[in-house]
Protein backbone atom coordinates (compact mmCIF):
# COMPACT_ATOMS: atom_id res chain seq x y z
CA UNK A 1 -2.00 3.45 -11.93
CA UNK A 2 -2.50 6.22 -9.53
CA UNK A 3 0.81 8.20 -9.41
CA UNK A 4 2.14 9.81 -6.43
CA UNK A 5 5.02 12.40 -6.08
CA UNK A 6 6.99 13.52 -3.17
CA UNK A 7 6.83 17.17 -1.94
CA UNK A 8 9.81 18.53 -3.45
CA UNK A 9 8.57 17.56 -6.88
CA UNK A 10 5.14 18.91 -6.45
CA UNK A 11 6.62 22.24 -5.22
CA UNK A 12 8.80 22.40 -8.22
CA UNK A 13 5.86 21.51 -10.72
CA UNK A 14 3.71 24.15 -8.72
CA UNK A 15 6.35 26.95 -9.36
CA UNK A 16 6.65 26.02 -13.08
CA UNK A 17 2.91 26.23 -13.43
CA UNK A 18 2.42 29.36 -11.61
CA UNK A 19 5.00 31.20 -13.70
CA UNK A 20 2.62 30.65 -16.69
CA UNK A 21 -0.62 31.65 -14.92
CA UNK A 22 -2.07 35.07 -13.42
CA UNK A 23 -1.24 35.45 -9.85
CA UNK A 24 -3.47 33.32 -7.40
CA UNK A 25 -5.04 31.37 -10.25
CA UNK A 26 -3.59 28.14 -9.09
CA UNK A 27 -5.03 28.56 -5.63
CA UNK A 28 -8.39 29.43 -7.03
CA UNK A 29 -8.20 26.18 -9.08
CA UNK A 30 -7.52 24.12 -5.76
CA UNK A 31 -10.24 25.99 -3.80
CA UNK A 32 -12.81 25.43 -6.51
CA UNK A 33 -12.19 21.57 -6.52
CA UNK A 34 -12.28 21.48 -2.67
CA UNK A 35 -15.49 23.29 -2.59
CA UNK A 36 -17.06 21.04 -5.35
CA UNK A 37 -16.29 18.03 -3.43
CA UNK A 38 -17.50 19.51 0.09
CA UNK A 39 -20.64 20.58 -1.82
CA UNK A 40 -21.23 16.91 -3.01
CA UNK A 41 -20.78 15.61 0.53
CA UNK A 42 -23.33 17.93 2.10
CA UNK A 43 -26.93 17.00 1.83
CA UNK A 44 -27.69 20.63 0.94
CA UNK A 45 -25.31 23.48 0.85
CA UNK A 46 -27.73 26.06 1.62
CA UNK A 47 -28.09 26.57 5.57
CA UNK A 48 -25.23 23.87 6.08
CA UNK A 49 -22.81 24.74 9.03
CA UNK A 50 -19.11 24.73 7.76
CA UNK A 51 -16.14 25.31 10.11
CA UNK A 52 -12.81 26.15 8.46
CA UNK A 53 -9.54 25.18 10.45
CA UNK A 54 -7.11 27.73 9.09
CA UNK A 55 -3.32 27.73 9.54
CA UNK A 56 -1.27 30.36 8.03
CA UNK A 57 0.11 28.54 4.83
CA UNK A 58 -1.44 27.95 1.44
CA UNK A 59 -3.72 25.28 2.54
CA UNK A 60 -5.16 27.86 4.93
CA UNK A 61 -5.73 29.88 1.87
CA UNK A 62 -7.27 27.04 -0.17
CA UNK A 63 -9.61 26.41 2.75
CA UNK A 64 -10.53 30.14 3.13
CA UNK A 65 -11.38 30.46 -0.71
CA UNK A 66 -13.29 27.27 -0.58
CA UNK A 67 -15.19 28.38 2.26
CA UNK A 68 -16.20 31.76 0.50
CA UNK A 69 -17.51 29.73 -2.54
CA UNK A 70 -19.75 27.59 -0.13
CA UNK A 71 -20.85 30.88 1.77
CA UNK A 72 -22.02 32.32 -1.50
CA UNK A 73 -24.24 29.25 -2.04
CA UNK A 74 -25.99 29.75 1.22
CA UNK A 75 -23.65 27.83 3.81
CA UNK A 76 -23.06 29.33 7.36
CA UNK A 77 -19.31 29.31 7.25
CA UNK A 78 -17.05 30.05 10.21
CA UNK A 79 -13.12 30.12 10.14
CA UNK A 80 -11.12 29.12 13.21
CA UNK A 81 -7.58 30.78 13.09
CA UNK A 82 -4.87 28.68 14.32
CA UNK A 83 -1.71 30.56 15.25
CA UNK A 84 -0.63 34.14 14.40
CA UNK A 85 -0.94 34.21 10.59
CA UNK A 86 -3.68 33.86 8.06
CA UNK A 87 -4.12 34.33 4.36
CA UNK A 88 -5.17 37.89 4.17
CA UNK A 89 -6.78 37.76 0.77
CA UNK A 90 -8.51 34.50 1.34
CA UNK A 91 -9.83 35.81 4.57
CA UNK A 92 -11.20 39.06 2.82
CA UNK A 93 -12.86 36.90 0.15
CA UNK A 94 -14.58 34.84 2.98
CA UNK A 95 -15.78 37.97 4.72
CA UNK A 96 -16.88 39.40 1.59
CA UNK A 97 -19.02 36.39 1.07
CA UNK A 98 -20.73 36.44 4.43
CA UNK A 99 -18.42 34.31 6.32
CA UNK A 100 -17.14 35.09 9.66
CA UNK A 101 -13.75 34.81 11.50
CA UNK A 102 -14.46 33.47 14.96
CA UNK A 103 -12.83 35.37 17.74
CA UNK A 104 -13.44 32.45 20.23
CA UNK A 105 -15.89 29.72 20.98
CA UNK A 106 -14.37 27.26 18.44
CA UNK A 107 -15.29 24.48 20.43
CA UNK A 108 -18.99 25.13 20.17
CA UNK A 109 -18.71 25.83 16.51
CA UNK A 110 -16.91 22.74 15.69
CA UNK A 111 -19.28 20.48 17.88
CA UNK A 112 -22.23 21.85 15.81
CA UNK A 113 -20.74 21.74 12.26
CA UNK A 114 -21.87 19.63 9.44
CA UNK A 115 -18.59 19.72 7.87
CA UNK A 116 -15.14 20.73 8.96
CA UNK A 117 -12.40 21.66 6.63
CA UNK A 118 -8.75 21.08 7.83
CA UNK A 119 -6.44 23.59 6.46
CA UNK A 120 -4.37 23.74 9.49
CA UNK A 121 -1.02 22.73 7.81
CA UNK A 122 0.03 21.88 4.26
CA UNK A 123 2.12 19.13 2.43
CA UNK A 124 5.23 20.75 3.73
CA UNK A 125 4.36 20.13 7.12
CA UNK A 126 6.63 17.62 9.27
CA UNK A 127 6.16 16.10 12.83
CA UNK A 128 2.98 16.06 14.98
CA UNK A 129 0.49 18.90 15.32
CA UNK A 130 1.41 21.40 18.06
CA UNK A 131 -1.11 23.59 19.93
CA UNK A 132 -3.50 24.93 19.35
CA UNK A 133 -3.65 22.81 16.06
CA UNK A 134 -3.57 19.49 17.94
CA UNK A 135 -6.68 20.55 19.95
CA UNK A 136 -8.48 21.74 16.94
CA UNK A 137 -7.88 18.30 15.43
CA UNK A 138 -9.17 16.66 18.46
CA UNK A 139 -12.26 18.47 18.60
CA UNK A 140 -12.83 17.74 14.87
CA UNK A 141 -12.54 14.05 15.71
CA UNK A 142 -14.97 14.28 18.68
CA UNK A 143 -17.64 15.91 16.55
CA UNK A 144 -20.14 14.39 14.38
CA UNK A 145 -19.26 16.48 11.40
CA UNK A 146 -17.69 15.18 8.18
CA UNK A 147 -13.95 16.15 8.08
CA UNK A 148 -12.44 17.01 4.81
CA UNK A 149 -8.63 17.51 4.61
CA UNK A 150 -7.15 19.92 2.43
CA UNK A 151 -4.47 18.19 0.12
CA UNK A 152 -3.06 16.08 3.07
CA UNK A 153 -4.61 15.37 6.70
CA UNK A 154 -2.64 17.83 9.06
CA UNK A 155 0.00 15.94 10.96
CA UNK A 156 0.65 13.38 8.15
CA UNK A 157 4.05 13.67 6.27
CA UNK A 158 2.91 13.94 2.64
CA UNK A 159 6.17 12.31 1.26
CA UNK A 160 6.23 9.37 3.56
CA UNK A 161 3.04 8.68 5.49
CA UNK A 162 4.81 9.12 8.83
CA UNK A 163 2.54 10.38 11.67
CA UNK A 164 4.72 11.66 14.57
CA UNK A 165 2.21 12.73 17.12
CA UNK A 166 -1.17 14.32 16.80
CA UNK A 167 -2.80 14.40 13.31
CA UNK A 168 -6.31 14.83 11.67
CA UNK A 169 -8.36 11.95 11.01
CA UNK A 170 -10.25 12.91 7.81
CA UNK A 171 -13.29 11.29 6.39
CA UNK A 172 -12.50 12.68 2.90
CA UNK A 173 -9.04 14.10 1.61
CA UNK A 174 -9.05 16.49 -1.35
CA UNK A 175 -5.48 16.49 -2.92
CA UNK A 176 -4.30 18.74 -5.63
CA UNK A 177 -2.34 18.01 -8.87
CA UNK A 178 -1.23 14.55 -7.81
CA UNK A 179 -1.53 12.00 -5.17
CA UNK A 180 1.21 12.33 -2.52
CA UNK A 181 2.78 9.07 -1.14
CA UNK A 182 1.65 9.91 2.48
CA UNK A 183 -1.97 9.32 1.24
CA UNK A 184 -1.22 5.89 -0.07
CA UNK A 185 1.11 4.65 2.77
CA UNK A 186 0.23 3.71 6.44
CA UNK A 187 0.13 5.06 9.07
CA UNK A 188 -0.68 8.32 7.08
CA UNK A 189 -3.09 6.46 4.66
CA UNK A 190 -5.12 5.45 7.73
CA UNK A 191 -5.89 9.08 8.43
CA UNK A 192 -7.11 9.98 4.95
CA UNK A 193 -10.35 8.45 4.55
CA UNK A 194 -11.61 8.54 0.62
CA UNK A 195 -9.02 10.44 -1.31
CA UNK A 196 -10.33 12.64 -4.24
CA UNK A 197 -7.70 13.89 -6.74
CA UNK A 198 -8.56 17.42 -8.22
CA UNK A 199 -6.57 18.22 -11.30
CA UNK A 200 -5.01 21.80 -11.31
CA UNK A 201 -3.01 21.36 -14.37
CA UNK A 202 0.31 20.09 -12.86
CA UNK A 203 0.57 17.09 -15.07
CA UNK A 204 3.01 18.52 -17.86
CA UNK A 205 5.38 19.73 -15.03
CA UNK A 206 5.58 16.57 -12.98
CA UNK A 207 8.41 14.21 -13.39
CA UNK A 208 8.34 10.40 -12.93
CA UNK A 209 6.53 9.43 -9.66
CA UNK A 210 8.00 8.30 -6.69
CA UNK A 211 5.18 5.71 -5.74
CA UNK A 212 2.41 4.07 -7.77
CA UNK A 213 -0.62 2.33 -6.85
CA UNK A 214 -2.11 -0.09 -9.45
CA UNK A 215 -5.74 -0.08 -10.27
CA UNK A 216 -7.38 -3.53 -11.26
CA UNK A 217 -6.50 -2.90 -15.32
CA UNK A 218 -2.89 -2.54 -14.23
CA UNK A 219 -2.76 -6.05 -12.63
CA UNK A 220 -2.11 -8.43 -15.68
CA UNK A 221 -1.24 -11.89 -14.68
CA UNK A 222 -0.17 -14.43 -17.30
CA UNK A 223 -2.84 -15.60 -19.43
CA UNK A 224 -2.63 -19.23 -21.16
CA UNK A 225 -2.74 -18.93 -25.04
CA UNK A 226 -4.05 -21.56 -27.37
CA UNK A 227 -0.59 -23.29 -27.65
CA UNK A 228 -0.08 -23.46 -24.01
CA UNK A 229 0.55 -26.59 -22.16
CA UNK A 230 1.68 -26.95 -18.35
CA UNK A 231 5.33 -26.20 -19.05
CA UNK A 232 4.63 -23.10 -21.22
CA UNK A 233 2.30 -21.88 -18.53
CA UNK A 234 5.12 -21.97 -16.05
CA UNK A 235 6.45 -24.66 -13.38
CA UNK A 236 7.04 -23.58 -9.88
CA UNK A 237 9.20 -25.41 -7.32
CA UNK A 238 8.38 -25.13 -3.78
CA UNK A 239 10.76 -26.05 -0.94
CA UNK A 240 8.71 -25.62 2.19
CA UNK A 241 7.37 -27.14 5.37
CA UNK A 242 9.04 -29.75 7.82
CA UNK A 243 7.90 -32.23 10.54
CA UNK A 244 7.20 -29.01 12.80
CA UNK A 245 5.40 -26.74 10.47
CA UNK A 246 3.23 -28.74 7.98
CA UNK A 247 0.76 -26.04 7.26
CA UNK A 248 3.01 -23.67 5.59
CA UNK A 249 3.70 -26.45 2.99
CA UNK A 250 0.03 -27.09 2.32
CA UNK A 251 -0.85 -23.52 2.21
CA UNK A 252 2.18 -22.36 0.01
CA UNK A 253 1.35 -25.26 -2.59
CA UNK A 254 -2.19 -24.21 -2.63
CA UNK A 255 -1.34 -20.55 -3.35
CA UNK A 256 0.76 -21.81 -6.32
CA UNK A 257 -1.93 -24.26 -7.63
CA UNK A 258 -4.76 -21.53 -7.54
CA UNK A 259 -2.25 -18.89 -8.68
CA UNK A 260 -2.05 -19.97 -12.28
CA UNK A 261 1.07 -22.18 -12.28
CA UNK A 262 1.04 -24.70 -14.99
CA UNK A 263 2.60 -27.17 -12.77
CA UNK A 264 3.59 -27.13 -9.10
CA UNK A 265 6.65 -29.34 -8.03
CA UNK A 266 6.66 -29.69 -4.12
CA UNK A 267 9.54 -30.97 -2.17
CA UNK A 268 9.85 -31.60 1.56
CA UNK A 269 10.62 -34.19 4.23
CA UNK A 270 8.09 -37.16 4.09
CA UNK A 271 5.18 -36.06 6.36
CA UNK A 272 4.74 -32.48 4.55
CA UNK A 273 4.83 -34.34 1.27
CA UNK A 274 2.16 -36.67 2.41
CA UNK A 275 -0.19 -33.71 3.36
CA UNK A 276 0.40 -31.92 0.13
CA UNK A 277 -0.28 -35.01 -1.98
CA UNK A 278 -3.51 -35.56 -0.06
CA UNK A 279 -4.70 -31.86 -0.37
CA UNK A 280 -3.19 -30.97 -3.68
CA UNK A 281 -3.20 -34.11 -5.94
CA UNK A 282 -2.14 -31.79 -8.96
CA UNK A 283 1.26 -31.23 -7.29
CA UNK A 284 4.22 -33.40 -8.34
CA UNK A 285 6.10 -34.16 -5.04
CA UNK A 286 9.50 -35.32 -3.95
CA UNK A 287 10.54 -36.58 -0.70
CA UNK A 288 13.86 -35.17 0.59
CA UNK A 289 15.67 -37.17 3.30
CA UNK A 290 16.61 -35.21 6.29
CA UNK A 291 20.09 -33.95 6.71
CA UNK A 292 22.37 -31.59 4.60
CA UNK A 293 21.46 -30.98 1.05
CA UNK A 294 23.01 -29.69 -2.19
CA UNK A 295 22.16 -28.91 -5.79
CA UNK A 296 21.70 -32.66 -6.66
CA UNK A 297 18.46 -32.37 -4.54
CA UNK A 298 17.10 -29.73 -7.13
CA UNK A 299 17.93 -32.09 -10.06
CA UNK A 300 15.91 -34.67 -8.42
CA UNK A 301 12.80 -32.39 -8.11
CA UNK A 302 12.84 -31.68 -11.80
CA UNK A 303 12.77 -28.63 -14.23
CA UNK A 304 11.13 -25.46 -12.94
CA UNK A 305 10.82 -21.93 -13.95
CA UNK A 306 10.99 -20.25 -10.47
CA UNK A 307 11.42 -21.37 -6.93
CA UNK A 308 9.73 -20.55 -3.64
CA UNK A 309 11.77 -21.41 -0.55
CA UNK A 310 11.39 -20.93 3.16
CA UNK A 311 7.81 -21.16 4.65
CA UNK A 312 8.04 -23.67 7.54
CA UNK A 313 11.43 -24.90 6.13
CA UNK A 314 13.35 -24.45 9.38
CA UNK A 315 16.52 -22.46 9.97
CA UNK A 316 19.06 -25.26 10.52
CA UNK A 317 22.00 -26.44 8.41
CA UNK A 318 19.57 -28.60 6.21
CA UNK A 319 17.51 -25.66 5.49
CA UNK A 320 20.47 -23.17 4.93
CA UNK A 321 21.86 -25.75 2.32
CA UNK A 322 18.82 -26.10 0.44
CA UNK A 323 18.30 -22.22 0.38
CA UNK A 324 21.86 -21.94 -0.89
CA UNK A 325 21.37 -24.45 -3.53
CA UNK A 326 18.34 -22.55 -4.87
CA UNK A 327 19.92 -19.25 -4.87
CA UNK A 328 22.84 -20.54 -6.70
CA UNK A 329 20.48 -21.25 -9.89
CA UNK A 330 19.74 -18.73 -12.53
CA UNK A 331 16.15 -18.80 -12.15
CA UNK A 332 13.83 -16.27 -10.20
CA UNK A 333 13.42 -17.08 -6.53
CA UNK A 334 11.03 -16.13 -3.75
CA UNK A 335 12.37 -16.24 -0.26
CA UNK A 336 9.88 -16.15 2.72
CA UNK A 337 9.50 -16.81 6.38
CA UNK A 338 12.46 -19.01 7.66
CA UNK A 339 14.31 -18.46 4.53
CA UNK A 340 14.55 -14.76 5.51
CA UNK A 341 15.93 -15.73 8.90
CA UNK A 342 18.66 -17.77 7.28
CA UNK A 343 19.32 -14.79 4.84
CA UNK A 344 19.77 -12.51 7.80
CA UNK A 345 22.93 -14.34 8.70
CA UNK A 346 23.89 -15.23 5.13
CA UNK A 347 23.37 -12.08 3.24
CA UNK A 348 26.26 -13.25 0.81
CA UNK A 349 23.55 -15.71 -0.69
CA UNK A 350 21.76 -12.59 -2.47
CA UNK A 351 24.75 -11.86 -4.51
CA UNK A 352 23.36 -13.25 -7.74
CA UNK A 353 22.20 -12.08 -11.26
CA UNK A 354 18.81 -13.70 -11.35
CA UNK A 355 15.65 -12.02 -9.95
CA UNK A 356 15.10 -12.38 -6.11
CA UNK A 357 11.98 -11.61 -4.26
CA UNK A 358 11.92 -11.37 -0.72
CA UNK A 359 8.72 -11.04 1.36
CA UNK A 360 9.32 -9.90 5.04
CA UNK A 361 7.02 -8.36 7.56
CA UNK A 362 8.58 -5.72 9.56
CA UNK A 363 10.19 -7.99 12.15
CA UNK A 364 11.90 -10.07 9.45
CA UNK A 365 13.01 -6.85 7.69
CA UNK A 366 14.53 -5.59 10.89
CA UNK A 367 16.86 -8.71 11.00
CA UNK A 368 17.76 -8.44 7.41
CA UNK A 369 18.80 -4.77 7.43
CA UNK A 370 19.49 -4.46 11.25
CA UNK A 371 16.95 -1.79 11.80
CA UNK A 372 14.37 -1.20 14.68
CA UNK A 373 10.98 -2.91 13.81
CA UNK A 374 9.21 0.27 15.33
CA UNK A 375 11.32 2.56 13.01
CA UNK A 376 10.36 0.42 10.07
CA UNK A 377 6.62 0.55 10.88
CA UNK A 378 6.92 4.43 11.39
CA UNK A 379 8.70 4.92 8.07
CA UNK A 380 7.92 2.00 5.83
CA UNK A 381 8.63 3.68 2.64
CA UNK A 382 12.15 4.70 3.58
CA UNK A 383 12.95 1.38 4.86
CA UNK A 384 11.66 -0.77 1.90
CA UNK A 385 13.60 1.50 -0.47
CA UNK A 386 16.65 0.96 1.63
CA UNK A 387 16.13 -2.77 1.79
CA UNK A 388 15.80 -3.00 -2.04
CA UNK A 389 19.18 -1.23 -2.43
CA UNK A 390 21.26 -3.09 0.22
CA UNK A 391 20.02 -6.30 -0.45
CA UNK A 392 19.84 -6.04 -4.42
CA UNK A 393 16.42 -7.65 -4.36
CA UNK A 394 12.78 -6.96 -5.05
CA UNK A 395 11.42 -6.57 -1.50
CA UNK A 396 7.76 -6.86 -0.67
CA UNK A 397 7.16 -5.45 2.78
CA UNK A 398 4.06 -6.84 4.31
CA UNK A 399 1.72 -4.90 6.52
CA UNK A 400 -1.37 -2.63 6.66
CA UNK A 401 -0.18 -1.07 3.35
CA UNK A 402 2.09 -3.54 1.48
CA UNK A 403 4.91 -1.93 -0.47
CA UNK A 404 7.03 -3.49 -3.12
CA UNK A 405 10.44 -1.79 -3.97
CA UNK A 406 13.28 -2.38 -6.54
CA UNK A 407 16.27 -0.15 -6.70
CA UNK A 408 15.69 2.97 -8.80
CA UNK A 409 12.02 2.18 -9.58
CA UNK A 410 8.75 3.79 -8.12
CA UNK A 411 7.65 1.88 -5.16
CA UNK A 412 4.43 -0.05 -5.77
CA UNK A 413 1.85 0.44 -3.06
CA UNK A 414 -0.87 -2.28 -2.80
CA UNK A 415 -4.31 -0.90 -2.54
CA UNK A 416 -6.31 -4.05 -1.71
CA UNK A 417 -4.89 -4.92 1.52
CA UNK A 418 -7.47 -5.77 4.50
CA UNK A 419 -7.00 -6.43 8.26
CA UNK A 420 -8.72 -9.83 7.43
CA UNK A 421 -5.24 -10.86 6.07
CA UNK A 422 -3.92 -10.60 9.72
CA UNK A 423 -4.32 -14.45 10.23
CA UNK A 424 -1.79 -17.36 10.29
CA UNK A 425 -0.63 -18.74 6.89
CA UNK A 426 -1.93 -15.88 4.62
CA UNK A 427 1.65 -15.16 3.97
CA UNK A 428 2.35 -18.71 2.82
CA UNK A 429 -0.46 -18.47 0.23
CA UNK A 430 1.19 -15.28 -0.99
CA UNK A 431 4.42 -16.80 -1.47
CA UNK A 432 2.94 -19.60 -3.61
CA UNK A 433 0.93 -17.24 -5.54
CA UNK A 434 3.85 -14.93 -6.43
CA UNK A 435 6.08 -18.00 -7.21
CA UNK A 436 3.46 -19.13 -9.73
CA UNK A 437 3.37 -15.42 -11.42
CA UNK A 438 7.17 -15.64 -11.57
CA UNK A 439 6.91 -19.09 -13.29
CA UNK A 440 4.45 -17.63 -15.82
CA UNK A 441 7.21 -15.10 -16.95
CA UNK A 442 6.47 -11.76 -14.94
CA UNK A 443 9.33 -9.66 -14.09
CA UNK A 444 9.89 -9.84 -10.37
CA UNK A 445 8.38 -6.35 -9.47
CA UNK A 446 5.32 -7.05 -11.48
CA UNK A 447 4.69 -10.52 -10.14
CA UNK A 448 5.03 -9.32 -6.50
CA UNK A 449 2.77 -6.41 -7.06
CA UNK A 450 0.14 -8.38 -8.81
CA UNK A 451 0.51 -11.37 -6.25
CA UNK A 452 -0.28 -8.74 -3.51
CA UNK A 453 -3.15 -7.11 -5.43
CA UNK A 454 -4.73 -10.52 -6.07
CA UNK A 455 -3.99 -11.83 -2.66
CA UNK A 456 -5.75 -8.72 -1.03
CA UNK A 457 -8.70 -8.91 -3.55
CA UNK A 458 -9.13 -12.76 -2.62
CA UNK A 459 -9.20 -12.03 1.07
CA UNK A 460 -11.78 -9.24 0.47
CA UNK A 461 -13.92 -11.32 -1.65
CA UNK A 462 -13.80 -14.28 0.93
CA UNK A 463 -14.70 -11.95 3.84
CA UNK A 464 -17.56 -10.28 2.09
CA UNK A 465 -19.06 -12.68 -0.55
CA UNK A 466 -22.08 -10.51 -0.50
CA UNK A 467 -21.94 -6.75 0.27
CA UNK A 468 -22.18 -5.72 3.82
CA UNK A 469 -21.69 -9.25 5.18
CA UNK A 470 -18.09 -9.35 6.05
CA UNK A 471 -16.86 -12.36 8.09
CA UNK A 472 -13.57 -13.72 9.39
CA UNK A 473 -11.63 -15.73 7.13
CA UNK A 474 -8.57 -18.16 7.19
CA UNK A 475 -5.70 -18.60 4.85
CA UNK A 476 -7.52 -21.51 3.11
CA UNK A 477 -10.50 -19.24 2.51
CA UNK A 478 -8.01 -16.88 0.55
CA UNK A 479 -6.83 -19.96 -1.47
CA UNK A 480 -10.39 -20.72 -2.42
CA UNK A 481 -11.17 -17.17 -3.53
CA UNK A 482 -8.11 -16.69 -5.62
CA UNK A 483 -10.02 -17.75 -8.97
CA UNK A 484 -12.57 -15.23 -8.20
CA UNK A 485 -9.97 -12.65 -7.67
CA UNK A 486 -8.50 -13.66 -11.17
CA UNK A 487 -11.81 -13.34 -12.74
CA UNK A 488 -12.46 -10.05 -11.15
CA UNK A 489 -9.31 -8.69 -12.69
CA UNK A 490 -10.14 -10.06 -15.98
CA UNK A 491 -13.35 -8.04 -16.22
CA UNK A 492 -11.02 -4.86 -16.17
CA UNK A 493 -8.52 -6.01 -18.87
CA UNK A 494 -10.77 -7.38 -21.47
């Protein structure tokens, strides 16, 4: 796992460590790590042109000390001061190493740089950049130089990933001690480029993380044992599709079939059932007559270990009755799509003891918790936590960075997402996949996080079967690539 801590926890850990170290030692550790990464990025340090964008805080000091190290290796280092304050000891070290503080002409220096180090603001910065910081960030973006952010790109909220105005767009972000949530969560994550973590010794002083991002070895879907049969592997029941939205039924069933389920039981009105039978003959199907439904329908479908309900189901009385029946069981349930629309008016159905997984995008979440969609997109971490607490459910918030939250647990951030998933039907595939993982016995948080990881990985494999040859994909392509995604995970867990 990659562990991320919010700013308050990082500051407390820094204070505890600094109390045990000589004055300035922690900053020197950070500067050494920053300079080392920058040196690796440059074709040659000697003769390279490096510009430091320096604010008045500790990140400015980190940049100045790192610049001094590069200057001692022969780089031509120029510092641009933003604001009235500067880290005096760091500046003195830079000047002693042969670097310069530019009194003016920042535009020409930035335009001609090979590498720009962003030390304008630190992890405590909030809100968009003000002048002259915003102008320097814009100049760096317009230049051909590599931009390296110190700890977090200036203008990105380190604790949440919010970006409220101008911000630095970095090619590489060198962060110290621990990851920060804003480096992993959009919109901030999209400003970070490649994130490099430098160990400065904070580990023993850090508490439990606020956010975690799984690595391949952390994703462990259920594996069949020698004594397994289709029932032990897990049976997932799917209530999806209708006469109007038949594709959702086929795609959701496909996600479950290729998601490791021992058996898929699919139920709907006649036409979606016919299509699922044709495309997925492995599925055991049940035709539901149109109209109102109750728990007797579930008995006709047969024994399952988890339910998936909602994709393409409709939002009328019949759909609501099915959703109520499923949520009245003591089994894990995933609710998606039309099911979420029903829950927005029937939140009372979420008062249950068994695990419930909700998989909204921002628009669906806005209806569930009565929040503005734009506000959700701007502060995804805050809203997914709020939703998990209010709805007493595991909430998977889809988007450019998918987040999975449960109350009083670190939020999971999925690192495999890709814009190629922004195509119709991929969410239905995800629902079936997570339903299969739930049926296999994974806890709700683990099933949702593993499903998101495998789903994103499958999309990447489908879009780029050979490196450098990425192509558009469909939801069905994601289904076909799921076995390859499972194989890829398996190579990291053996």
